[in-house]
């Protein structure tokens, strides 16, 4: 189990397969494909811990099951933050195709989130440079405020 900083009392569940299959994490409203939940009761520091310390430490092949299907919009926002990310561009195109075919974009993987999700990449210089901040927790807060006001 992992701590969730979206609202008090929420948690994420990490499960493994005794037969050796891919592990899975059920993230509720903390981690979304390409994004994260609003900080209703939590802080940027708490979300940083949840996303960048706990969830990012899971095996890359871990399947990510989130509480809502926001992938296409989250990728649109992520592309505004990180427009040169080729992996993100490919995943965004794939997500739009999935949506057009009325297919889900969930699950993702921790590995894919570490490549595409700006909220999980706040330690990376490229994201810090875009946000004009160097402290990952400040980047987390600024990114969330930016997303909260985003009209995309």
N, C-alpha and C. Protein backbone atom coordinates (compact mmCIF):
# COMPACT_ATOMS: atom_id res chain seq x y z
N UNK A 1 0.84 -1.18 0.00
CA UNK A 1 0.00 0.00 0.00
C UNK A 1 0.88 1.24 0.00
N UNK A 2 0.38 2.29 -0.64
CA UNK A 2 1.08 3.56 -0.73
C UNK A 2 0.19 4.67 -0.23
N UNK A 3 0.79 5.73 0.23
CA UNK A 3 0.03 6.86 0.71
C UNK A 3 -0.39 7.75 -0.44
N UNK A 4 -1.58 8.31 -0.40
CA UNK A 4 -2.15 9.14 -1.45
C UNK A 4 -2.27 10.57 -0.94
N UNK A 5 -1.85 11.54 -1.73
CA UNK A 5 -1.92 12.93 -1.28
C UNK A 5 -3.04 13.71 -1.94
N UNK A 6 -3.94 13.03 -2.63
CA UNK A 6 -5.07 13.70 -3.27
C UNK A 6 -6.06 14.19 -2.21
N UNK A 7 -6.51 13.29 -1.37
CA UNK A 7 -7.37 13.63 -0.23
C UNK A 7 -6.97 12.74 0.94
N UNK A 8 -7.26 13.20 2.14
CA UNK A 8 -6.90 12.43 3.33
C UNK A 8 -7.60 11.08 3.33
N UNK A 9 -6.86 10.07 3.71
CA UNK A 9 -7.44 8.75 3.87
C UNK A 9 -7.42 7.88 2.63
N UNK A 10 -7.09 8.44 1.47
CA UNK A 10 -7.01 7.62 0.25
C UNK A 10 -5.66 6.94 0.18
N UNK A 11 -5.64 5.77 -0.41
CA UNK A 11 -4.40 5.03 -0.58
C UNK A 11 -4.34 4.42 -1.97
N UNK A 12 -3.15 4.03 -2.36
CA UNK A 12 -2.95 3.28 -3.60
C UNK A 12 -2.64 1.84 -3.20
N UNK A 13 -3.03 0.90 -4.04
CA UNK A 13 -2.76 -0.50 -3.77
C UNK A 13 -1.80 -1.06 -4.80
N UNK A 14 -0.75 -1.69 -4.34
CA UNK A 14 0.23 -2.35 -5.19
C UNK A 14 0.06 -3.85 -4.99
N UNK A 15 -0.13 -4.56 -6.09
CA UNK A 15 -0.33 -6.01 -6.00
C UNK A 15 0.64 -6.72 -6.94
N UNK A 16 1.04 -7.91 -6.53
CA UNK A 16 1.92 -8.72 -7.35
C UNK A 16 1.23 -10.03 -7.68
N UNK A 17 1.71 -10.66 -8.72
CA UNK A 17 1.17 -11.93 -9.19
C UNK A 17 2.09 -13.04 -8.70
N UNK A 18 1.56 -13.97 -7.93
CA UNK A 18 2.41 -15.03 -7.40
C UNK A 18 2.96 -15.93 -8.51
N UNK A 19 2.36 -15.85 -9.70
CA UNK A 19 2.84 -16.64 -10.83
C UNK A 19 3.88 -15.90 -11.66
N UNK A 20 4.27 -14.70 -11.23
CA UNK A 20 5.32 -13.96 -11.91
C UNK A 20 4.86 -12.98 -12.97
N UNK A 21 3.57 -12.76 -13.11
CA UNK A 21 3.07 -11.78 -14.07
C UNK A 21 3.41 -10.36 -13.64
N UNK A 22 3.07 -9.42 -14.48
CA UNK A 22 3.35 -8.02 -14.17
C UNK A 22 2.60 -7.58 -12.92
N UNK A 23 3.27 -6.82 -12.05
CA UNK A 23 2.57 -6.25 -10.90
C UNK A 23 1.62 -5.15 -11.37
N UNK A 24 0.75 -4.73 -10.49
CA UNK A 24 -0.21 -3.67 -10.81
C UNK A 24 -0.33 -2.72 -9.62
N UNK A 25 -0.63 -1.48 -9.93
CA UNK A 25 -0.91 -0.50 -8.90
C UNK A 25 -2.24 0.17 -9.24
N UNK A 26 -3.10 0.26 -8.25
CA UNK A 26 -4.39 0.92 -8.39
C UNK A 26 -4.26 2.27 -7.69
N UNK A 27 -4.25 3.34 -8.49
CA UNK A 27 -3.85 4.65 -7.98
C UNK A 27 -5.01 5.59 -7.66
N UNK A 28 -6.23 5.15 -7.88
CA UNK A 28 -7.37 6.01 -7.56
C UNK A 28 -7.26 7.36 -8.25
N UNK A 29 -7.28 8.43 -7.47
CA UNK A 29 -7.20 9.79 -8.00
C UNK A 29 -5.84 10.44 -7.75
N UNK A 30 -4.81 9.66 -7.48
CA UNK A 30 -3.48 10.22 -7.27
C UNK A 30 -2.75 10.34 -8.60
N UNK A 31 -2.50 9.22 -9.24
CA UNK A 31 -1.79 9.20 -10.52
C UNK A 31 -2.77 8.84 -11.61
N UNK A 32 -2.86 9.69 -12.62
CA UNK A 32 -3.64 9.41 -13.82
C UNK A 32 -2.67 9.17 -14.96
N UNK A 33 -3.12 8.58 -16.03
CA UNK A 33 -2.27 8.40 -17.19
C UNK A 33 -1.96 9.79 -17.74
N UNK A 34 -0.70 10.18 -17.68
CA UNK A 34 -0.26 11.49 -18.16
C UNK A 34 -0.52 12.64 -17.21
N UNK A 35 -1.00 12.39 -16.01
CA UNK A 35 -1.30 13.49 -15.09
C UNK A 35 -1.41 13.03 -13.65
N UNK A 36 -1.97 13.90 -12.82
CA UNK A 36 -2.18 13.55 -11.40
C UNK A 36 -3.42 14.28 -10.91
N UNK A 37 -3.89 13.88 -9.75
CA UNK A 37 -5.07 14.49 -9.16
C UNK A 37 -4.79 15.87 -8.59
N UNK A 38 -5.86 16.61 -8.41
CA UNK A 38 -5.74 17.93 -7.77
C UNK A 38 -5.31 17.75 -6.32
N UNK A 39 -4.76 18.81 -5.76
CA UNK A 39 -4.29 18.76 -4.37
C UNK A 39 -5.38 19.27 -3.44
N UNK A 40 -6.47 18.55 -3.34
CA UNK A 40 -7.59 19.01 -2.52
C UNK A 40 -7.21 19.17 -1.06
N UNK A 41 -6.61 18.16 -0.47
CA UNK A 41 -6.21 18.23 0.93
C UNK A 41 -4.71 18.04 1.10
N UNK A 42 -4.03 17.70 0.04
CA UNK A 42 -2.60 17.47 0.10
C UNK A 42 -1.81 18.67 -0.37
N UNK A 43 -0.49 18.53 -0.31
CA UNK A 43 0.42 19.60 -0.68
C UNK A 43 1.30 19.13 -1.84
N UNK A 44 1.98 20.06 -2.51
CA UNK A 44 2.93 19.64 -3.54
C UNK A 44 3.98 18.67 -3.00
N UNK A 45 4.43 18.90 -1.78
CA UNK A 45 5.44 18.02 -1.19
C UNK A 45 4.89 16.60 -1.01
N UNK A 46 3.66 16.48 -0.56
CA UNK A 46 3.05 15.16 -0.38
C UNK A 46 2.84 14.46 -1.72
N UNK A 47 2.40 15.21 -2.75
CA UNK A 47 2.20 14.60 -4.06
C UNK A 47 3.54 14.20 -4.67
N UNK A 48 4.56 15.02 -4.46
CA UNK A 48 5.90 14.66 -4.92
C UNK A 48 6.33 13.33 -4.30
N UNK A 49 6.13 13.19 -3.01
CA UNK A 49 6.49 11.95 -2.33
C UNK A 49 5.72 10.77 -2.93
N UNK A 50 4.41 10.94 -3.12
CA UNK A 50 3.59 9.85 -3.64
C UNK A 50 4.00 9.46 -5.06
N UNK A 51 4.16 10.46 -5.94
CA UNK A 51 4.45 10.18 -7.34
C UNK A 51 5.92 9.84 -7.58
N UNK A 52 6.80 10.70 -7.08
CA UNK A 52 8.22 10.64 -7.47
C UNK A 52 9.09 9.80 -6.55
N UNK A 53 8.61 9.52 -5.38
CA UNK A 53 9.37 8.65 -4.47
C UNK A 53 8.75 7.25 -4.44
N UNK A 54 7.48 7.16 -4.10
CA UNK A 54 6.85 5.86 -3.93
C UNK A 54 6.49 5.20 -5.27
N UNK A 55 5.63 5.83 -6.05
CA UNK A 55 5.18 5.20 -7.29
C UNK A 55 6.31 5.04 -8.29
N UNK A 56 7.18 6.02 -8.40
CA UNK A 56 8.31 5.94 -9.36
C UNK A 56 9.28 4.83 -9.00
N UNK A 57 9.27 4.38 -7.76
CA UNK A 57 10.20 3.32 -7.35
C UNK A 57 9.67 1.92 -7.68
N UNK A 58 8.44 1.83 -8.14
CA UNK A 58 7.89 0.53 -8.51
C UNK A 58 8.55 0.04 -9.81
N UNK A 59 8.53 -1.26 -10.06
CA UNK A 59 9.11 -1.77 -11.31
C UNK A 59 8.47 -1.09 -12.53
N UNK A 60 9.27 -0.82 -13.54
CA UNK A 60 8.81 -0.10 -14.73
C UNK A 60 7.64 -0.82 -15.41
N UNK A 61 7.59 -2.12 -15.32
CA UNK A 61 6.53 -2.88 -16.00
C UNK A 61 5.22 -2.90 -15.20
N UNK A 62 5.20 -2.28 -14.03
CA UNK A 62 3.98 -2.23 -13.21
C UNK A 62 2.84 -1.59 -13.98
N UNK A 63 1.73 -2.28 -14.08
CA UNK A 63 0.53 -1.78 -14.74
C UNK A 63 -0.13 -0.74 -13.85
N UNK A 64 -0.49 0.41 -14.42
CA UNK A 64 -1.10 1.51 -13.68
C UNK A 64 -2.58 1.57 -14.02
N UNK A 65 -3.42 1.37 -13.00
CA UNK A 65 -4.87 1.47 -13.14
C UNK A 65 -5.33 2.67 -12.32
N UNK A 66 -5.81 3.69 -13.01
CA UNK A 66 -6.24 4.91 -12.33
C UNK A 66 -7.76 4.96 -12.24
N UNK A 67 -8.26 5.95 -11.51
CA UNK A 67 -9.69 6.03 -11.23
C UNK A 67 -10.53 6.65 -12.34
N UNK A 68 -9.92 7.35 -13.29
CA UNK A 68 -10.69 8.01 -14.34
C UNK A 68 -9.92 7.99 -15.65
N UNK A 69 -10.63 8.11 -16.74
CA UNK A 69 -10.07 8.11 -18.09
C UNK A 69 -9.92 9.56 -18.56
N UNK A 70 -8.78 10.18 -18.21
CA UNK A 70 -8.49 11.56 -18.60
C UNK A 70 -7.29 11.63 -19.55
N UNK A 71 -6.88 10.53 -20.11
CA UNK A 71 -5.60 10.42 -20.80
C UNK A 71 -5.43 11.42 -21.94
N UNK A 72 -6.40 11.53 -22.82
CA UNK A 72 -6.24 12.42 -23.99
C UNK A 72 -6.04 13.86 -23.53
N UNK A 73 -6.84 14.34 -22.59
CA UNK A 73 -6.67 15.71 -22.08
C UNK A 73 -5.35 15.87 -21.32
N UNK A 74 -4.99 14.86 -20.54
CA UNK A 74 -3.73 14.95 -19.82
C UNK A 74 -2.54 15.01 -20.77
N UNK A 75 -2.58 14.22 -21.84
CA UNK A 75 -1.50 14.27 -22.82
C UNK A 75 -1.47 15.61 -23.55
N UNK A 76 -2.64 16.21 -23.82
CA UNK A 76 -2.68 17.52 -24.47
C UNK A 76 -1.97 18.55 -23.58
N UNK A 77 -2.25 18.52 -22.28
CA UNK A 77 -1.57 19.42 -21.35
C UNK A 77 -0.08 19.11 -21.31
N UNK A 78 0.27 17.84 -21.19
CA UNK A 78 1.68 17.45 -21.12
C UNK A 78 2.45 17.92 -22.35
N UNK A 79 1.82 17.88 -23.51
CA UNK A 79 2.48 18.34 -24.73
C UNK A 79 2.69 19.86 -24.73
N UNK A 80 1.85 20.60 -24.04
CA UNK A 80 2.10 22.03 -23.90
C UNK A 80 3.30 22.29 -23.01
N UNK A 81 3.48 21.44 -22.02
CA UNK A 81 4.63 21.56 -21.11
C UNK A 81 5.90 21.04 -21.77
N UNK A 82 5.78 19.95 -22.50
CA UNK A 82 6.95 19.24 -23.03
C UNK A 82 6.72 18.88 -24.51
N UNK A 83 6.66 19.90 -25.40
CA UNK A 83 6.26 19.66 -26.79
C UNK A 83 7.26 18.86 -27.63
N UNK A 84 8.48 18.71 -27.18
CA UNK A 84 9.50 17.99 -27.96
C UNK A 84 9.62 16.52 -27.56
N UNK A 85 8.83 16.06 -26.61
CA UNK A 85 8.92 14.69 -26.12
C UNK A 85 8.31 13.73 -27.14
N UNK A 86 9.16 13.03 -27.89
CA UNK A 86 8.69 12.16 -28.97
C UNK A 86 7.86 10.98 -28.44
N UNK A 87 8.26 10.42 -27.30
CA UNK A 87 7.50 9.32 -26.72
C UNK A 87 6.10 9.79 -26.35
N UNK A 88 6.02 10.98 -25.78
CA UNK A 88 4.73 11.57 -25.42
C UNK A 88 3.88 11.82 -26.66
N UNK A 89 4.48 12.31 -27.72
CA UNK A 89 3.73 12.53 -28.97
C UNK A 89 3.14 11.23 -29.49
N UNK A 90 3.93 10.16 -29.47
CA UNK A 90 3.43 8.85 -29.94
C UNK A 90 2.30 8.34 -29.05
N UNK A 91 2.48 8.48 -27.73
CA UNK A 91 1.44 8.01 -26.80
C UNK A 91 0.16 8.84 -26.94
N UNK A 92 0.31 10.12 -27.20
CA UNK A 92 -0.86 10.98 -27.39
C UNK A 92 -1.63 10.57 -28.64
N UNK A 93 -0.92 10.31 -29.71
CA UNK A 93 -1.56 9.85 -30.95
C UNK A 93 -2.28 8.52 -30.71
N UNK A 94 -1.62 7.62 -30.01
CA UNK A 94 -2.22 6.33 -29.67
C UNK A 94 -3.48 6.52 -28.84
N UNK A 95 -3.43 7.39 -27.83
CA UNK A 95 -4.58 7.61 -26.94
C UNK A 95 -5.76 8.18 -27.72
N UNK A 96 -5.50 9.10 -28.64
CA UNK A 96 -6.59 9.65 -29.47
C UNK A 96 -7.21 8.55 -30.32
N UNK A 97 -6.39 7.67 -30.85
CA UNK A 97 -6.90 6.57 -31.66
C UNK A 97 -7.74 5.63 -30.79
N UNK A 98 -7.26 5.32 -29.62
CA UNK A 98 -8.01 4.47 -28.69
C UNK A 98 -9.38 5.10 -28.40
N UNK A 99 -9.36 6.40 -28.12
CA UNK A 99 -10.61 7.10 -27.80
C UNK A 99 -11.56 7.07 -29.00
N UNK A 100 -11.03 7.29 -30.20
CA UNK A 100 -11.87 7.28 -31.41
C UNK A 100 -12.51 5.91 -31.62
N UNK A 101 -11.80 4.87 -31.22
CA UNK A 101 -12.31 3.50 -31.36
C UNK A 101 -13.09 3.04 -30.13
N UNK A 102 -13.30 3.99 -29.19
CA UNK A 102 -14.03 3.70 -27.95
C UNK A 102 -13.37 2.58 -27.14
N UNK A 103 -12.02 2.63 -27.13
CA UNK A 103 -11.22 1.67 -26.36
C UNK A 103 -10.54 2.42 -25.22
N UNK A 104 -10.28 1.75 -24.12
CA UNK A 104 -9.62 2.40 -22.98
C UNK A 104 -8.14 2.66 -23.23
N UNK A 105 -7.62 3.64 -22.51
CA UNK A 105 -6.18 3.91 -22.51
C UNK A 105 -5.53 3.39 -21.23
N UNK A 106 -6.33 2.84 -20.37
CA UNK A 106 -5.88 2.28 -19.10
C UNK A 106 -5.83 0.77 -19.26
N UNK A 107 -4.76 0.11 -18.83
CA UNK A 107 -3.67 0.62 -18.00
C UNK A 107 -2.52 1.21 -18.82
N UNK A 108 -1.70 1.92 -18.09
CA UNK A 108 -0.40 2.37 -18.57
C UNK A 108 0.62 1.54 -17.81
N UNK A 109 1.86 1.96 -17.83
CA UNK A 109 2.88 1.35 -16.97
C UNK A 109 3.64 2.46 -16.26
N UNK A 110 4.27 2.10 -15.18
CA UNK A 110 5.14 3.07 -14.49
C UNK A 110 6.22 3.55 -15.45
N UNK A 111 6.79 2.65 -16.24
CA UNK A 111 7.82 3.04 -17.20
C UNK A 111 7.33 4.09 -18.18
N UNK A 112 6.12 3.90 -18.72
CA UNK A 112 5.56 4.89 -19.64
C UNK A 112 5.30 6.22 -18.93
N UNK A 113 4.81 6.16 -17.71
CA UNK A 113 4.54 7.40 -16.96
C UNK A 113 5.83 8.17 -16.70
N UNK A 114 6.91 7.47 -16.45
CA UNK A 114 8.19 8.14 -16.22
C UNK A 114 8.72 8.80 -17.49
N UNK A 115 8.22 8.40 -18.64
CA UNK A 115 8.61 9.01 -19.92
C UNK A 115 7.66 10.14 -20.35
N UNK A 116 6.40 10.07 -19.95
CA UNK A 116 5.39 10.98 -20.51
C UNK A 116 4.75 11.92 -19.51
N UNK A 117 4.68 11.56 -18.27
CA UNK A 117 3.89 12.31 -17.29
C UNK A 117 4.74 13.42 -16.66
N UNK A 118 4.44 14.69 -16.94
CA UNK A 118 5.28 15.76 -16.40
C UNK A 118 5.31 15.80 -14.87
N UNK A 119 4.24 15.34 -14.23
CA UNK A 119 4.21 15.35 -12.77
C UNK A 119 5.15 14.31 -12.16
N UNK A 120 5.50 13.31 -12.91
CA UNK A 120 6.46 12.31 -12.44
C UNK A 120 7.89 12.65 -12.90
N UNK A 121 8.03 13.75 -13.64
CA UNK A 121 9.32 14.11 -14.20
C UNK A 121 9.84 15.44 -13.65
N UNK A 122 9.33 15.87 -12.51
CA UNK A 122 9.69 17.19 -11.96
C UNK A 122 11.15 17.29 -11.53
N UNK A 123 11.85 16.16 -11.43
CA UNK A 123 13.28 16.19 -11.11
C UNK A 123 14.14 16.38 -12.35
N UNK A 124 13.54 16.23 -13.53
CA UNK A 124 14.30 16.32 -14.77
C UNK A 124 14.56 17.78 -15.15
N UNK A 125 15.78 18.03 -15.57
CA UNK A 125 16.19 19.39 -15.92
C UNK A 125 15.30 19.96 -17.03
N UNK A 126 14.90 19.15 -17.98
CA UNK A 126 14.08 19.66 -19.08
C UNK A 126 12.75 20.24 -18.56
N UNK A 127 12.12 19.56 -17.62
CA UNK A 127 10.86 20.05 -17.05
C UNK A 127 11.14 21.26 -16.16
N UNK A 128 12.19 21.20 -15.38
CA UNK A 128 12.55 22.33 -14.52
C UNK A 128 12.84 23.58 -15.35
N UNK A 129 13.54 23.41 -16.47
CA UNK A 129 13.84 24.56 -17.34
C UNK A 129 12.57 25.15 -17.92
N UNK A 130 11.65 24.30 -18.35
CA UNK A 130 10.38 24.78 -18.90
C UNK A 130 9.61 25.58 -17.85
N UNK A 131 9.63 25.09 -16.61
CA UNK A 131 8.89 25.75 -15.53
C UNK A 131 9.69 26.89 -14.89
N UNK A 132 10.96 27.03 -15.27
CA UNK A 132 11.85 28.07 -14.74
C UNK A 132 12.00 27.97 -13.22
N UNK A 133 12.06 26.73 -12.76
CA UNK A 133 12.26 26.43 -11.34
C UNK A 133 13.22 25.26 -11.24
N UNK A 134 13.95 25.17 -10.13
CA UNK A 134 14.89 24.06 -9.98
C UNK A 134 14.52 23.10 -8.87
N UNK A 135 13.70 23.51 -7.94
CA UNK A 135 13.29 22.64 -6.85
C UNK A 135 12.13 21.77 -7.32
N UNK A 136 12.27 20.44 -7.27
CA UNK A 136 11.21 19.57 -7.78
C UNK A 136 9.85 19.77 -7.12
N UNK A 137 9.84 20.09 -5.85
CA UNK A 137 8.56 20.30 -5.15
C UNK A 137 7.90 21.59 -5.63
N UNK A 138 8.71 22.64 -5.86
CA UNK A 138 8.17 23.87 -6.42
C UNK A 138 7.66 23.64 -7.83
N UNK A 139 8.37 22.82 -8.60
CA UNK A 139 7.93 22.48 -9.95
C UNK A 139 6.58 21.75 -9.88
N UNK A 140 6.45 20.82 -8.94
CA UNK A 140 5.20 20.08 -8.76
C UNK A 140 4.05 21.05 -8.51
N UNK A 141 4.23 21.96 -7.59
CA UNK A 141 3.19 22.92 -7.26
C UNK A 141 2.84 23.83 -8.43
N UNK A 142 3.86 24.32 -9.12
CA UNK A 142 3.64 25.22 -10.25
C UNK A 142 2.94 24.49 -11.40
N UNK A 143 3.35 23.26 -11.65
CA UNK A 143 2.72 22.46 -12.70
C UNK A 143 1.24 22.23 -12.40
N UNK A 144 0.93 21.89 -11.14
CA UNK A 144 -0.46 21.62 -10.77
C UNK A 144 -1.30 22.89 -10.89
N UNK A 145 -0.74 24.04 -10.46
CA UNK A 145 -1.47 25.30 -10.60
C UNK A 145 -1.71 25.62 -12.07
N UNK A 146 -0.70 25.36 -12.90
CA UNK A 146 -0.82 25.58 -14.34
C UNK A 146 -1.93 24.70 -14.92
N UNK A 147 -1.95 23.43 -14.52
CA UNK A 147 -2.97 22.50 -15.01
C UNK A 147 -4.35 22.91 -14.50
N UNK A 148 -4.44 23.35 -13.26
CA UNK A 148 -5.73 23.76 -12.69
C UNK A 148 -6.36 24.90 -13.48
N UNK A 149 -5.52 25.79 -14.03
CA UNK A 149 -6.02 26.92 -14.79
C UNK A 149 -6.05 26.71 -16.29
N UNK A 150 -5.63 25.52 -16.72
CA UNK A 150 -5.52 25.22 -18.15
C UNK A 150 -6.89 25.05 -18.77
N UNK A 151 -7.10 25.65 -19.92
CA UNK A 151 -8.41 25.62 -20.59
C UNK A 151 -8.43 24.69 -21.81
N UNK A 152 -7.40 23.88 -22.00
CA UNK A 152 -7.29 22.99 -23.15
C UNK A 152 -8.40 22.10 -23.31
